[in-house]
N, C-alpha and C. Protein backbone atom coordinates (compact mmCIF):
# COMPACT_ATOMS: atom_id res chain seq x y z
N MET A 1 0.81 -1.20 -0.16
CA MET A 1 -0.11 0.06 -0.05
C MET A 1 1.05 1.28 -0.04
N SER A 2 0.23 2.22 -0.56
CA SER A 2 1.08 3.87 -0.61
C SER A 2 1.16 4.21 0.49
N ALA A 3 1.62 5.31 1.22
CA ALA A 3 1.60 6.01 2.39
C ALA A 3 0.43 6.59 2.37
N PHE A 4 -0.29 7.15 1.39
CA PHE A 4 -1.61 7.85 1.53
C PHE A 4 -2.56 6.66 1.85
N HIS A 5 -2.71 5.46 1.60
CA HIS A 5 -3.56 4.54 1.59
C HIS A 5 -3.27 4.11 3.35
N ASP A 6 -2.06 4.31 3.69
CA ASP A 6 -1.60 3.80 5.33
C ASP A 6 -2.61 4.86 6.14
N LEU A 7 -2.93 5.97 5.82
CA LEU A 7 -3.26 7.07 6.65
C LEU A 7 -4.62 6.75 7.18
N LYS A 8 -4.84 7.30 8.40
CA LYS A 8 -6.25 7.28 8.90
C LYS A 8 -6.48 8.81 9.48
N LEU A 9 -7.92 9.25 8.91
CA LEU A 9 -8.21 10.67 9.22
C LEU A 9 -9.41 10.47 10.14
N LYS A 10 -10.22 11.29 10.54
CA LYS A 10 -11.34 11.38 11.28
C LYS A 10 -12.38 11.75 10.31
N ALA A 11 -13.57 11.56 10.17
CA ALA A 11 -14.86 11.72 9.34
C ALA A 11 -15.67 13.00 10.25
N LEU A 12 -16.29 13.66 9.45
CA LEU A 12 -16.99 14.69 10.37
C LEU A 12 -18.06 14.17 11.51
N ASP A 13 -18.24 12.77 11.06
CA ASP A 13 -19.18 12.38 12.09
C ASP A 13 -18.32 11.75 13.22
N GLY A 14 -17.06 11.84 13.47
CA GLY A 14 -16.30 11.60 14.51
C GLY A 14 -15.65 9.95 14.28
N GLN A 15 -16.37 9.70 13.11
CA GLN A 15 -15.82 8.21 12.99
C GLN A 15 -14.43 8.14 12.48
N GLU A 16 -13.56 7.16 12.28
CA GLU A 16 -12.68 7.26 11.39
C GLU A 16 -12.74 6.67 10.21
N LEU A 17 -11.99 7.41 9.34
CA LEU A 17 -12.14 7.38 7.94
C LEU A 17 -10.60 6.99 7.52
N PRO A 18 -10.56 5.82 7.44
CA PRO A 18 -9.12 5.14 6.76
C PRO A 18 -9.42 5.56 5.50
N LEU A 19 -8.10 5.66 4.80
CA LEU A 19 -7.86 5.53 3.44
C LEU A 19 -7.46 4.61 2.61
N ALA A 20 -7.31 3.41 3.52
CA ALA A 20 -6.96 2.10 2.77
C ALA A 20 -8.17 1.90 1.85
N PRO A 21 -9.67 2.24 2.04
CA PRO A 21 -10.59 1.50 0.98
C PRO A 21 -10.39 2.44 -0.38
N PHE A 22 -9.41 3.64 -0.40
CA PHE A 22 -9.37 4.38 -1.55
C PHE A 22 -8.43 3.76 -2.64
N LYS A 23 -8.05 2.71 -2.22
CA LYS A 23 -6.78 1.91 -2.88
C LYS A 23 -7.71 1.30 -4.14
N GLY A 24 -6.86 1.85 -5.40
CA GLY A 24 -7.54 1.34 -6.58
C GLY A 24 -8.63 2.38 -7.00
N GLN A 25 -8.61 3.56 -6.43
CA GLN A 25 -9.72 4.76 -6.87
C GLN A 25 -8.72 6.05 -7.33
N VAL A 26 -9.23 6.60 -7.76
CA VAL A 26 -8.81 8.02 -8.27
C VAL A 26 -9.34 8.87 -7.34
N VAL A 27 -8.57 9.57 -6.62
CA VAL A 27 -9.24 10.64 -5.53
C VAL A 27 -8.55 12.15 -5.47
N LEU A 28 -9.66 13.21 -5.55
CA LEU A 28 -9.39 14.54 -5.57
C LEU A 28 -9.52 14.54 -4.43
N VAL A 29 -8.28 15.27 -3.59
CA VAL A 29 -8.10 15.57 -2.24
C VAL A 29 -8.54 16.98 -2.24
N VAL A 30 -9.28 17.81 -1.30
CA VAL A 30 -9.50 19.28 -1.55
C VAL A 30 -9.69 19.95 -0.21
N ASN A 31 -9.03 20.92 0.48
CA ASN A 31 -9.19 21.27 1.64
C ASN A 31 -10.09 22.78 1.33
N VAL A 32 -11.70 22.54 2.10
CA VAL A 32 -12.68 23.04 1.73
C VAL A 32 -12.70 24.10 3.06
N ALA A 33 -13.58 25.02 2.73
CA ALA A 33 -14.06 26.02 4.06
C ALA A 33 -15.54 26.46 3.35
N SER A 34 -16.57 26.58 4.38
CA SER A 34 -17.60 27.38 4.27
C SER A 34 -18.11 28.76 3.81
N LYS A 35 -17.16 29.61 4.46
CA LYS A 35 -17.18 30.86 4.29
C LYS A 35 -16.15 31.73 3.42
N CYS A 36 -15.99 30.87 2.41
CA CYS A 36 -15.16 31.59 1.26
C CYS A 36 -15.65 32.09 0.08
N GLY A 37 -14.78 32.97 -0.54
CA GLY A 37 -15.56 33.21 -1.75
C GLY A 37 -15.56 32.22 -2.88
N LEU A 38 -14.92 31.12 -2.50
CA LEU A 38 -14.55 29.78 -3.45
C LEU A 38 -15.62 28.74 -3.22
N THR A 39 -16.39 28.67 -2.23
CA THR A 39 -17.31 27.87 -1.41
C THR A 39 -18.11 27.12 -2.68
N PRO A 40 -18.65 28.07 -3.47
CA PRO A 40 -19.74 27.79 -4.63
C PRO A 40 -18.91 26.36 -5.46
N GLN A 41 -17.40 26.23 -4.87
CA GLN A 41 -16.84 25.13 -6.07
C GLN A 41 -17.53 23.93 -5.19
N TYR A 42 -17.76 23.66 -3.91
CA TYR A 42 -18.51 22.48 -3.46
C TYR A 42 -19.47 21.72 -4.39
N ALA A 43 -20.34 22.55 -5.13
CA ALA A 43 -21.42 22.38 -6.06
C ALA A 43 -20.83 21.35 -7.53
N ALA A 44 -19.22 22.27 -7.79
CA ALA A 44 -19.05 21.25 -9.07
C ALA A 44 -18.04 20.30 -8.34
N LEU A 45 -17.75 20.08 -7.25
CA LEU A 45 -16.96 19.25 -6.84
C LEU A 45 -17.93 17.75 -6.80
N GLU A 46 -19.31 18.15 -6.19
CA GLU A 46 -20.25 17.17 -6.11
C GLU A 46 -20.44 16.60 -7.48
N ASN A 47 -20.52 17.62 -8.41
CA ASN A 47 -21.05 17.23 -10.39
C ASN A 47 -19.51 16.46 -10.52
N LEU A 48 -18.38 16.57 -10.32
CA LEU A 48 -17.49 15.76 -10.68
C LEU A 48 -17.56 14.23 -9.92
N TYR A 49 -18.22 14.01 -8.62
CA TYR A 49 -18.08 13.07 -7.77
C TYR A 49 -19.40 12.28 -8.60
N GLN A 50 -20.45 12.81 -8.83
CA GLN A 50 -21.30 11.98 -9.41
C GLN A 50 -21.04 11.61 -10.72
N GLN A 51 -20.34 12.73 -11.67
CA GLN A 51 -20.14 12.20 -12.97
C GLN A 51 -19.14 11.04 -13.08
N TYR A 52 -18.32 10.88 -11.87
CA TYR A 52 -17.11 9.84 -12.36
C TYR A 52 -17.22 8.82 -11.17
N LYS A 53 -17.83 8.86 -9.95
CA LYS A 53 -17.85 7.74 -9.13
C LYS A 53 -17.89 6.46 -9.46
N ASN A 54 -18.74 6.25 -10.22
CA ASN A 54 -19.20 4.80 -10.93
C ASN A 54 -17.88 4.25 -11.43
N GLN A 55 -16.94 5.17 -11.94
CA GLN A 55 -15.76 4.71 -12.82
C GLN A 55 -14.43 4.18 -11.73
N GLY A 56 -14.90 4.71 -10.41
CA GLY A 56 -13.80 4.31 -9.51
C GLY A 56 -12.96 5.90 -9.02
N PHE A 57 -13.88 6.82 -8.80
CA PHE A 57 -13.43 8.07 -8.65
C PHE A 57 -14.02 8.60 -7.61
N THR A 58 -13.48 9.39 -6.52
CA THR A 58 -13.80 10.04 -5.45
C THR A 58 -13.23 11.48 -5.13
N VAL A 59 -13.84 12.04 -4.26
CA VAL A 59 -13.53 13.53 -3.94
C VAL A 59 -13.65 13.08 -2.37
N LEU A 60 -12.42 13.78 -1.79
CA LEU A 60 -12.41 13.83 -0.32
C LEU A 60 -12.09 15.39 -0.17
N GLY A 61 -12.99 15.91 0.67
CA GLY A 61 -13.17 17.13 1.49
C GLY A 61 -12.54 17.53 2.94
N LEU A 62 -11.54 18.07 2.91
CA LEU A 62 -10.84 18.23 4.32
C LEU A 62 -11.08 19.60 4.67
N PRO A 63 -12.38 19.82 5.48
CA PRO A 63 -12.18 21.26 5.87
C PRO A 63 -11.08 21.82 6.47
N CYS A 64 -10.97 23.17 6.66
CA CYS A 64 -9.32 23.80 6.94
C CYS A 64 -10.01 25.17 7.60
N ASN A 65 -9.74 25.40 8.70
CA ASN A 65 -9.78 26.87 9.25
C ASN A 65 -8.65 27.84 9.21
N GLN A 66 -7.45 27.51 8.34
CA GLN A 66 -6.30 28.15 8.50
C GLN A 66 -6.36 29.63 7.50
N PHE A 67 -7.47 29.86 6.94
CA PHE A 67 -7.16 30.70 5.69
C PHE A 67 -8.49 31.84 5.97
N ALA A 68 -7.85 32.99 7.03
CA ALA A 68 -8.78 34.02 7.22
C ALA A 68 -10.20 33.53 7.92
N GLY A 69 -9.69 32.05 8.76
CA GLY A 69 -10.74 31.88 9.65
C GLY A 69 -12.16 31.43 8.98
N GLN A 70 -12.28 30.85 7.53
CA GLN A 70 -13.47 30.70 6.68
C GLN A 70 -13.91 29.32 6.58
N GLU A 71 -13.61 28.70 7.82
CA GLU A 71 -14.21 27.24 8.47
C GLU A 71 -14.28 27.38 9.80
N PRO A 72 -15.23 28.02 10.63
CA PRO A 72 -15.49 28.34 12.00
C PRO A 72 -16.29 27.39 12.87
N GLY A 73 -17.15 26.77 11.87
CA GLY A 73 -17.94 25.67 12.32
C GLY A 73 -17.78 24.30 13.10
N THR A 74 -18.64 24.10 13.67
CA THR A 74 -18.39 22.66 14.37
C THR A 74 -18.46 21.66 13.11
N GLU A 75 -18.14 20.36 13.33
CA GLU A 75 -17.99 19.21 12.50
C GLU A 75 -19.84 19.20 12.07
N GLN A 76 -20.36 19.20 12.97
CA GLN A 76 -21.90 18.83 12.67
C GLN A 76 -22.22 20.06 11.48
N GLU A 77 -21.94 21.63 11.99
CA GLU A 77 -22.32 22.61 11.23
C GLU A 77 -21.88 22.66 10.06
N ILE A 78 -20.34 22.28 9.81
CA ILE A 78 -19.90 21.97 8.17
C ILE A 78 -21.05 20.77 7.72
N GLN A 79 -20.89 19.42 8.25
CA GLN A 79 -21.58 18.60 7.40
C GLN A 79 -23.19 19.26 7.00
N ALA A 80 -23.71 19.91 7.86
CA ALA A 80 -25.39 20.47 7.75
C ALA A 80 -25.12 21.41 6.45
N PHE A 81 -24.00 22.30 6.61
CA PHE A 81 -23.88 23.40 5.79
C PHE A 81 -23.61 22.60 4.19
N CYS A 82 -23.21 21.71 4.19
CA CYS A 82 -22.57 21.32 2.92
C CYS A 82 -23.74 20.39 2.38
N SER A 83 -24.36 19.66 2.85
CA SER A 83 -25.80 18.64 2.66
C SER A 83 -26.79 19.83 2.09
N LEU A 84 -27.13 20.90 3.11
CA LEU A 84 -28.59 21.71 2.90
C LEU A 84 -27.82 22.61 1.52
N ASN A 85 -26.85 23.15 1.43
CA ASN A 85 -26.55 24.04 0.33
C ASN A 85 -26.13 23.65 -0.73
N TYR A 86 -25.44 22.53 -0.98
CA TYR A 86 -24.67 21.94 -2.09
C TYR A 86 -24.70 20.45 -2.19
N GLY A 87 -25.82 19.94 -1.36
CA GLY A 87 -26.17 18.45 -1.51
C GLY A 87 -24.93 17.71 -1.48
N VAL A 88 -23.79 17.85 -0.99
CA VAL A 88 -22.64 17.01 -1.04
C VAL A 88 -22.89 15.68 -0.27
N THR A 89 -22.43 14.53 -1.24
CA THR A 89 -22.69 13.32 -0.88
C THR A 89 -21.01 12.61 -0.66
N PHE A 90 -20.29 13.34 -1.34
CA PHE A 90 -18.88 12.84 -1.25
C PHE A 90 -18.29 12.77 0.29
N PRO A 91 -17.13 12.01 0.62
CA PRO A 91 -16.67 12.06 2.26
C PRO A 91 -16.12 13.29 2.45
N LEU A 92 -16.34 13.56 3.44
CA LEU A 92 -15.76 14.66 4.24
C LEU A 92 -14.93 14.52 5.51
N GLY A 93 -13.66 15.00 5.82
CA GLY A 93 -12.88 14.71 7.10
C GLY A 93 -13.54 15.89 7.72
N SER A 94 -12.91 15.81 9.01
CA SER A 94 -12.79 16.46 10.22
C SER A 94 -11.90 17.89 9.75
N LYS A 95 -11.92 19.03 10.46
CA LYS A 95 -10.98 19.82 10.06
C LYS A 95 -9.36 19.28 10.58
N LEU A 96 -8.85 19.92 9.77
CA LEU A 96 -7.38 19.79 9.88
C LEU A 96 -6.27 20.88 9.64
N GLU A 97 -5.04 20.83 10.00
CA GLU A 97 -4.23 21.92 9.50
C GLU A 97 -3.21 21.46 8.26
N VAL A 98 -3.35 22.25 7.32
CA VAL A 98 -2.94 22.09 6.15
C VAL A 98 -1.41 22.84 5.86
N ASN A 99 -1.07 23.37 6.70
CA ASN A 99 0.38 24.32 6.65
C ASN A 99 0.78 24.62 7.90
N GLY A 100 2.28 24.93 8.21
CA GLY A 100 2.97 25.26 9.30
C GLY A 100 3.29 24.22 10.20
N PRO A 101 3.54 24.34 11.28
CA PRO A 101 4.15 23.23 12.04
C PRO A 101 3.30 21.99 12.54
N GLU A 102 1.80 22.10 12.60
CA GLU A 102 0.82 21.12 12.97
C GLU A 102 0.22 20.80 11.93
N HIS A 103 0.72 21.31 10.61
CA HIS A 103 0.38 20.64 9.35
C HIS A 103 0.13 19.06 9.35
N HIS A 104 -1.37 18.33 9.11
CA HIS A 104 -1.73 16.87 8.95
C HIS A 104 -0.58 16.10 8.28
N GLN A 105 -0.24 15.07 8.53
CA GLN A 105 0.48 14.38 7.64
C GLN A 105 0.31 13.99 6.34
N LEU A 106 -1.12 13.99 6.17
CA LEU A 106 -1.44 14.02 4.73
C LEU A 106 -1.04 15.23 3.97
N TYR A 107 -1.06 16.16 4.48
CA TYR A 107 -0.44 17.09 3.60
C TYR A 107 1.23 17.15 3.72
N ARG A 108 1.63 16.97 4.85
CA ARG A 108 3.21 16.46 4.45
C ARG A 108 3.43 15.85 3.38
N LEU A 109 2.79 14.51 3.43
CA LEU A 109 2.72 13.55 2.27
C LEU A 109 2.50 14.59 0.72
N LEU A 110 1.21 15.20 0.69
CA LEU A 110 0.89 15.79 -0.59
C LEU A 110 1.78 16.81 -1.08
N ALA A 111 2.31 18.08 -0.12
CA ALA A 111 2.82 19.20 -0.58
C ALA A 111 4.50 19.25 0.49
N GLY A 112 4.24 18.40 1.33
CA GLY A 112 5.64 18.75 1.92
C GLY A 112 7.14 18.32 1.38
N GLU A 113 8.33 18.85 1.77
CA GLU A 113 9.67 18.24 1.31
C GLU A 113 9.79 16.79 0.74
N GLY A 114 10.13 16.77 -0.61
CA GLY A 114 10.25 15.64 -1.51
C GLY A 114 8.84 15.01 -2.04
N ALA A 115 7.54 15.92 -1.95
CA ALA A 115 6.63 15.75 -2.99
C ALA A 115 6.77 15.80 -4.14
N GLU A 116 5.94 15.28 -4.82
CA GLU A 116 5.89 15.67 -6.35
C GLU A 116 5.34 17.17 -6.27
N PHE A 117 4.63 17.55 -5.83
CA PHE A 117 4.22 18.97 -6.06
C PHE A 117 4.37 19.93 -4.75
N PRO A 118 5.83 19.99 -4.38
CA PRO A 118 5.87 20.45 -2.86
C PRO A 118 5.63 22.24 -2.68
N GLY A 119 5.19 22.73 -1.53
CA GLY A 119 4.99 23.87 -1.20
C GLY A 119 3.80 24.29 -0.64
N ASP A 120 3.81 25.06 0.34
CA ASP A 120 2.42 25.37 0.95
C ASP A 120 1.18 25.40 0.09
N ILE A 121 0.30 25.17 0.79
CA ILE A 121 -1.10 25.20 0.29
C ILE A 121 -1.47 27.00 -0.07
N THR A 122 -2.13 27.07 -1.01
CA THR A 122 -2.32 28.81 -1.29
C THR A 122 -3.45 29.27 -0.40
N TRP A 123 -4.44 28.37 -0.57
CA TRP A 123 -6.04 29.16 -0.18
C TRP A 123 -6.68 27.80 0.10
N ASN A 124 -8.23 28.00 0.57
CA ASN A 124 -9.12 27.27 0.49
C ASN A 124 -9.48 26.69 -0.91
N PHE A 125 -9.76 25.33 -1.07
CA PHE A 125 -10.13 24.64 -2.49
C PHE A 125 -8.58 24.29 -3.30
N GLU A 126 -7.47 23.98 -2.83
CA GLU A 126 -6.38 23.36 -3.28
C GLU A 126 -6.63 22.17 -3.45
N LYS A 127 -6.51 21.78 -4.79
CA LYS A 127 -6.78 20.33 -5.33
C LYS A 127 -5.79 19.58 -5.63
N PHE A 128 -5.48 18.23 -5.06
CA PHE A 128 -4.65 17.40 -5.27
C PHE A 128 -5.17 16.00 -5.98
N LEU A 129 -4.44 15.57 -7.19
CA LEU A 129 -5.51 14.46 -7.87
C LEU A 129 -4.53 13.23 -7.52
N LEU A 130 -4.96 12.44 -7.14
CA LEU A 130 -4.20 10.99 -6.80
C LEU A 130 -4.65 9.92 -7.63
N GLY A 131 -3.45 8.98 -8.24
CA GLY A 131 -3.75 7.97 -8.96
C GLY A 131 -4.21 6.86 -8.18
N LYS A 132 -4.62 5.53 -8.80
CA LYS A 132 -5.25 4.54 -8.10
C LYS A 132 -4.23 3.97 -7.07
N ASP A 133 -2.60 4.31 -7.27
CA ASP A 133 -1.98 3.66 -6.40
C ASP A 133 -1.60 4.51 -5.36
N GLY A 134 -2.42 5.56 -5.29
CA GLY A 134 -1.60 6.56 -4.24
C GLY A 134 -0.85 7.70 -4.39
N ARG A 135 -0.35 7.72 -5.81
CA ARG A 135 0.62 8.72 -6.23
C ARG A 135 -0.01 10.08 -6.37
N VAL A 136 0.58 11.34 -6.29
CA VAL A 136 -0.01 12.33 -6.63
C VAL A 136 0.55 12.73 -8.09
N LEU A 137 -0.72 12.84 -8.88
CA LEU A 137 -0.43 12.67 -10.19
C LEU A 137 -0.78 14.52 -10.65
N ALA A 138 -1.20 15.11 -10.01
CA ALA A 138 -1.53 16.90 -10.37
C ALA A 138 -1.91 17.45 -9.01
N ARG A 139 -1.56 18.85 -9.33
CA ARG A 139 -2.01 19.72 -8.20
C ARG A 139 -2.70 21.18 -8.91
N PHE A 140 -3.83 21.40 -8.21
CA PHE A 140 -4.60 22.31 -8.93
C PHE A 140 -4.72 23.67 -8.31
N SER A 141 -4.37 24.65 -8.71
CA SER A 141 -4.89 26.07 -7.76
C SER A 141 -6.10 25.94 -7.44
N PRO A 142 -6.27 26.60 -6.07
CA PRO A 142 -7.69 26.81 -5.71
C PRO A 142 -8.33 27.70 -6.88
N ARG A 143 -7.83 28.59 -7.81
CA ARG A 143 -8.60 29.17 -8.63
C ARG A 143 -8.78 28.48 -9.78
N THR A 144 -8.52 27.46 -9.96
CA THR A 144 -9.06 26.47 -11.10
C THR A 144 -10.28 25.79 -10.38
N PRO A 145 -11.41 26.09 -11.13
CA PRO A 145 -12.61 25.81 -10.67
C PRO A 145 -12.66 24.10 -10.87
N PRO A 146 -13.43 23.43 -10.43
CA PRO A 146 -13.47 21.80 -10.69
C PRO A 146 -14.01 21.44 -11.90
N GLU A 147 -14.76 22.39 -12.57
CA GLU A 147 -15.45 22.40 -13.87
C GLU A 147 -14.27 22.61 -14.86
N ASP A 148 -13.13 23.04 -14.81
CA ASP A 148 -12.26 23.33 -15.69
C ASP A 148 -11.85 22.05 -16.27
N PRO A 149 -11.73 22.01 -17.68
CA PRO A 149 -11.62 20.75 -18.45
C PRO A 149 -10.08 20.42 -18.11
N SER A 150 -9.05 20.72 -17.78
CA SER A 150 -7.74 20.38 -17.20
C SER A 150 -8.30 19.09 -16.18
N ILE A 151 -8.91 19.39 -15.30
CA ILE A 151 -9.66 18.67 -14.13
C ILE A 151 -9.78 17.11 -14.75
N ALA A 152 -10.96 17.42 -15.79
CA ALA A 152 -11.62 16.22 -16.17
C ALA A 152 -10.64 15.36 -16.71
N GLN A 153 -9.90 16.32 -17.65
CA GLN A 153 -8.80 15.01 -18.44
C GLN A 153 -7.82 14.89 -17.61
N ALA A 154 -7.60 15.12 -16.44
CA ALA A 154 -6.63 14.41 -15.70
C ALA A 154 -7.29 13.16 -14.72
N ILE A 155 -8.15 13.81 -14.63
CA ILE A 155 -9.34 12.58 -14.00
C ILE A 155 -9.33 11.33 -14.94
N GLU A 156 -9.72 11.66 -15.91
CA GLU A 156 -9.87 10.60 -16.85
C GLU A 156 -8.82 9.95 -17.62
N LYS A 157 -7.68 10.36 -17.53
CA LYS A 157 -6.46 9.71 -17.88
C LYS A 157 -6.26 8.86 -16.74
N ALA A 158 -6.18 9.27 -15.46
CA ALA A 158 -6.07 8.65 -14.37
C ALA A 158 -6.72 7.36 -14.11
N LEU A 159 -8.17 7.62 -14.62
CA LEU A 159 -9.15 6.42 -14.61
C LEU A 159 -8.78 5.45 -15.74
N ALA A 160 -8.07 5.52 -16.72
CA ALA A 160 -8.06 4.86 -17.54
C ALA A 160 -7.14 3.54 -17.41
């Protein structure tokens, strides 16, 4: 198994969220926030998830409050917000740090020293596309919307 698949997160409902079940799937990991100008990307992320989920694709949303305090809610508030406002059905983890000395091990793997696409996470809705083997295949700016053709092309290539 890859280092990605070895990790265990916590889901918004407090349950364990192991990444091992994602082995063999293409995963788009996105740090998300509810009170950001980019928050409407949730709808397009859900559309991507619905479009490709039956082919072995998932979106993994990971709330983060490190950027201007734009994810201040509790886990229950975040879940309700995502479900009610954007109909989100893809997996959501509990809040975690993506930058700094307390950044989560997942983000050390995705963007840390020695990573394929190293460097601090720049803002909410930065996206990492992982292949079926858990390797990072692409990194997309927060300003690259989920409906951008480059994202669909990268997903389709990874699923092939």
